[in-house]
Amino acid sequence: MSPKNDKRGATYNQLEAGAKQARPIQHQRAAEIQPYGKIAKLPIALDEKTCAASAENLNQLIADTMTLRDMYKKHHWQVAGHTFYQLHLLFDKHHGEQDELVDQIAERIQLLGGISLAMAADVAETSMIPRPPRGREEAPVQISRLLEAHELILKEARTMARQAADAGDDGTNDLLVSDVIRTNELQVWFLAEHLVDVPLVRADQKKAATAGA
């Protein structure tokens, strides 16, 4: 073989080796680096017991928040009736705000050294919010379901906030009070006003006369 052919062969082999190194290594599996429910302690000046308790509480909260978030998207797609446009936009806005809360809660869990729930099956098993039917429901029913879910989250968030404060976990307490509770309370207000039974165009003069008698 001539020196020229040897040179070509060497170049080809080098290219093949380089291409092989650039190929992705697929179908990899290994043991978990951190089991769910175990704390990988970070130097945040909180003891492991406090971190574990807060992480457990927040995982319950994230499961319920993810369920509420997804319920908003379901209703955003399926809402019907004369308030369709307003509710279609409102549901989507609230969905986005709940999605931000999900990310904040998940990051807090990881910061505490825990593992946050993430997959739909795990969320469905953990959430305490009743599952709505697959089909479309009337707007008042959709809103009622959302209000009930908000109230559940607010009750647990307030309890968790007090527990975090008592344990000295100020970061978790601040997240719960400043973000979770305030966001959910505001969304409740915007939703609840849609269920007030008032006339749309003409005032109920008969009712007003009866009240004044």
Protein backbone atom coordinates (compact mmCIF):
# COMPACT_ATOMS: atom_id res chain seq x y z
CA MET A 1 0.00 0.00 0.00
CA SER A 2 1.33 3.38 -0.95
CA PRO A 3 2.05 6.06 1.69
CA LYS A 4 -0.78 8.10 0.13
CA ASN A 5 -3.35 5.35 0.81
CA ASP A 6 -2.01 4.91 4.37
CA LYS A 7 -2.61 8.61 4.96
CA ARG A 8 -6.17 8.38 3.68
CA GLY A 9 -6.83 5.35 5.87
CA ALA A 10 -5.57 7.10 8.97
CA THR A 11 -7.75 10.11 8.27
CA TYR A 12 -10.83 7.92 7.80
CA ASN A 13 -10.19 6.09 11.08
CA GLN A 14 -9.78 9.39 12.91
CA LEU A 15 -13.09 10.64 11.49
CA GLU A 16 -14.85 7.42 12.51
CA ALA A 17 -13.44 7.66 16.02
CA GLY A 18 -14.54 11.29 16.30
CA ALA A 19 -18.04 10.50 15.02
CA LYS A 20 -18.39 7.64 17.48
CA GLN A 21 -17.41 9.90 20.36
CA ALA A 22 -20.04 12.45 19.29
CA ARG A 23 -22.89 9.94 19.22
CA PRO A 24 -25.30 10.08 22.21
CA ILE A 25 -25.14 7.17 24.63
CA GLN A 26 -28.75 6.01 24.82
CA HIS A 27 -30.86 3.71 27.05
CA GLN A 28 -28.88 4.38 30.22
CA ARG A 29 -30.16 3.26 33.63
CA ALA A 30 -28.65 3.38 37.10
CA ALA A 31 -29.63 3.52 40.75
CA GLU A 32 -31.23 6.74 42.00
CA ILE A 33 -28.74 9.22 43.40
CA GLN A 34 -31.30 10.29 46.06
CA PRO A 35 -34.41 8.33 47.05
CA TYR A 36 -37.70 10.21 47.42
CA GLY A 37 -38.35 11.22 51.01
CA LYS A 38 -34.66 11.39 51.96
CA ILE A 39 -32.90 14.68 52.68
CA ALA A 40 -29.58 15.61 51.08
CA LYS A 41 -28.59 18.17 53.71
CA LEU A 42 -27.46 21.57 52.43
CA PRO A 43 -25.71 24.18 54.63
CA ILE A 44 -28.76 26.42 55.08
CA ALA A 45 -28.64 26.59 58.90
CA LEU A 46 -31.70 24.36 59.37
CA ASP A 47 -31.58 20.91 60.95
CA GLU A 48 -32.47 17.85 58.90
CA LYS A 49 -35.69 17.18 60.81
CA THR A 50 -37.01 20.66 60.02
CA CYS A 51 -36.04 20.32 56.36
CA ALA A 52 -37.73 16.93 56.10
CA ALA A 53 -40.97 18.18 57.69
CA SER A 54 -41.15 21.24 55.43
CA ALA A 55 -40.33 19.18 52.33
CA GLU A 56 -43.08 16.70 53.17
CA ASN A 57 -45.61 19.51 53.64
CA LEU A 58 -44.55 21.23 50.44
CA ASN A 59 -44.85 18.01 48.43
CA GLN A 60 -48.47 17.74 49.52
CA LEU A 61 -48.94 21.37 48.56
CA ILE A 62 -47.26 20.96 45.17
CA ALA A 63 -49.49 17.98 44.35
CA ASP A 64 -52.60 20.02 45.11
CA THR A 65 -51.25 23.11 43.33
CA MET A 66 -50.41 21.10 40.20
CA THR A 67 -53.91 19.61 40.26
CA LEU A 68 -55.49 23.07 40.57
CA ARG A 69 -53.22 24.38 37.80
CA ASP A 70 -54.27 21.57 35.46
CA MET A 71 -57.93 22.03 36.38
CA TYR A 72 -57.62 25.65 35.27
CA LYS A 73 -56.28 24.51 31.89
CA LYS A 74 -59.07 21.95 31.51
CA HIS A 75 -61.69 24.61 32.20
CA HIS A 76 -59.87 27.09 29.94
CA TRP A 77 -60.33 24.67 27.05
CA GLN A 78 -63.86 23.53 27.91
CA VAL A 79 -65.63 26.64 29.21
CA ALA A 80 -68.89 27.54 27.43
CA GLY A 81 -71.66 30.12 27.59
CA HIS A 82 -72.13 33.89 27.40
CA THR A 83 -69.11 34.48 29.69
CA PHE A 84 -66.86 32.26 27.55
CA TYR A 85 -64.43 34.98 26.48
CA GLN A 86 -63.89 36.46 29.96
CA LEU A 87 -63.54 33.08 31.67
CA HIS A 88 -61.41 31.64 28.87
CA LEU A 89 -58.87 34.42 29.47
CA LEU A 90 -59.20 34.42 33.27
CA PHE A 91 -58.71 30.67 33.57
CA ASP A 92 -55.58 30.85 31.43
CA LYS A 93 -54.18 33.76 33.49
CA HIS A 94 -54.76 31.86 36.72
CA HIS A 95 -53.20 28.74 35.19
CA GLY A 96 -50.02 30.69 34.47
CA GLU A 97 -49.89 32.09 38.01
CA GLN A 98 -50.39 28.63 39.53
CA ASP A 99 -47.64 27.29 37.25
CA GLU A 100 -45.26 29.88 38.70
CA LEU A 101 -46.21 28.75 42.20
CA VAL A 102 -45.49 25.14 41.26
CA ASP A 103 -41.97 26.10 40.22
CA GLN A 104 -41.39 28.11 43.39
CA ILE A 105 -42.61 25.29 45.63
CA ALA A 106 -40.51 22.70 43.77
CA GLU A 107 -37.38 24.82 44.06
CA ARG A 108 -37.99 25.31 47.78
CA ILE A 109 -38.26 21.54 48.26
CA GLN A 110 -34.98 21.00 46.43
CA LEU A 111 -33.35 23.83 48.41
CA LEU A 112 -34.38 22.07 51.62
CA GLY A 113 -32.51 19.00 50.36
CA GLY A 114 -35.65 17.10 49.42
CA ILE A 115 -37.06 15.69 46.20
CA SER A 116 -40.13 17.34 44.68
CA LEU A 117 -42.99 15.40 43.15
CA ALA A 118 -43.06 15.90 39.40
CA MET A 119 -44.89 13.17 37.46
CA ALA A 120 -48.63 13.17 36.82
CA ALA A 121 -49.19 9.70 38.31
CA ASP A 122 -47.46 10.67 41.57
CA VAL A 123 -49.41 13.92 41.73
CA ALA A 124 -52.73 12.12 41.16
CA GLU A 125 -51.95 9.65 43.96
CA THR A 126 -51.06 12.44 46.39
CA SER A 127 -53.49 15.27 45.68
CA MET A 128 -56.49 15.71 47.99
CA ILE A 129 -58.46 17.70 45.40
CA PRO A 130 -61.39 15.67 43.99
CA ARG A 131 -60.90 14.67 40.38
CA PRO A 132 -63.33 16.34 37.95
CA PRO A 133 -64.98 14.32 35.18
CA ARG A 134 -63.38 14.13 31.76
CA GLY A 135 -66.37 15.77 30.10
CA ARG A 136 -67.38 19.43 29.88
CA GLU A 137 -69.29 21.01 32.75
CA GLU A 138 -71.26 24.25 33.05
CA ALA A 139 -69.29 27.36 33.96
CA PRO A 140 -70.82 27.70 37.47
CA VAL A 141 -69.79 24.12 38.23
CA GLN A 142 -66.28 24.73 36.90
CA ILE A 143 -65.94 27.81 39.11
CA SER A 144 -67.34 25.99 42.14
CA ARG A 145 -64.78 23.21 41.72
CA LEU A 146 -61.98 25.75 41.46
CA LEU A 147 -63.15 27.63 44.57
CA GLU A 148 -63.29 24.40 46.57
CA ALA A 149 -59.75 23.51 45.45
CA HIS A 150 -58.49 26.99 46.37
CA GLU A 151 -60.02 26.72 49.83
CA LEU A 152 -58.37 23.36 50.44
CA ILE A 153 -54.99 24.76 49.42
CA LEU A 154 -55.44 27.87 51.56
CA LYS A 155 -56.32 25.80 54.63
CA GLU A 156 -53.27 23.57 54.27
CA ALA A 157 -50.97 26.48 53.36
CA ARG A 158 -51.92 28.38 56.51
CA THR A 159 -51.34 25.32 58.69
CA MET A 160 -47.99 24.66 56.98
CA ALA A 161 -46.97 28.30 57.34
CA ARG A 162 -47.53 28.18 61.10
CA GLN A 163 -45.57 24.92 61.36
CA ALA A 164 -42.68 26.39 59.37
CA ALA A 165 -42.63 29.52 61.51
CA ASP A 166 -42.61 27.50 64.73
CA ALA A 167 -39.69 25.41 63.38
CA GLY A 168 -37.69 28.50 62.39
CA ASP A 169 -38.02 27.79 58.65
CA ASP A 170 -38.56 31.40 57.64
CA GLY A 171 -37.98 30.78 53.94
CA THR A 172 -40.79 28.24 53.70
CA ASN A 173 -43.06 30.42 55.81
CA ASP A 174 -42.40 33.42 53.54
CA LEU A 175 -43.10 31.39 50.39
CA LEU A 176 -46.38 30.13 51.82
CA VAL A 177 -47.60 33.51 53.10
CA SER A 178 -46.23 35.91 50.48
CA ASP A 179 -46.80 33.78 47.40
CA VAL A 180 -49.10 30.79 47.88
CA ILE A 181 -51.67 32.30 50.22
CA ARG A 182 -51.81 35.76 48.65
CA THR A 183 -52.01 34.41 45.10
CA ASN A 184 -54.78 31.96 45.96
CA GLU A 185 -56.77 34.52 47.92
CA LEU A 186 -56.67 36.97 45.01
CA GLN A 187 -57.72 34.30 42.53
CA VAL A 188 -60.62 33.32 44.81
CA TRP A 189 -61.90 36.89 44.68
CA PHE A 190 -61.78 37.03 40.88
CA LEU A 191 -63.58 33.69 40.63
CA ALA A 192 -66.21 34.16 43.33
CA GLU A 193 -67.55 37.39 41.82
CA HIS A 194 -68.67 35.37 38.77
CA LEU A 195 -71.13 33.46 40.97
CA VAL A 196 -72.92 36.54 42.34
CA ASP A 197 -76.48 36.42 40.98
CA VAL A 198 -77.07 39.96 39.72
CA PRO A 199 -78.87 41.20 36.57
CA LEU A 200 -76.69 41.69 33.50
CA VAL A 201 -78.54 44.56 31.83
CA ARG A 202 -81.70 45.67 33.67
CA ALA A 203 -81.84 46.20 37.44
CA ASP A 204 -84.40 44.14 39.35
CA GLN A 205 -86.78 46.98 40.27
CA LYS A 206 -89.36 44.63 41.76
CA LYS A 207 -86.79 43.27 44.22
CA ALA A 208 -85.67 46.81 45.05
CA ALA A 209 -89.27 47.89 45.74
CA THR A 210 -89.86 44.88 47.97
CA ALA A 211 -86.71 45.59 49.93
CA GLY A 212 -87.70 49.22 50.45
CA ALA A 213 -91.22 48.39 51.69
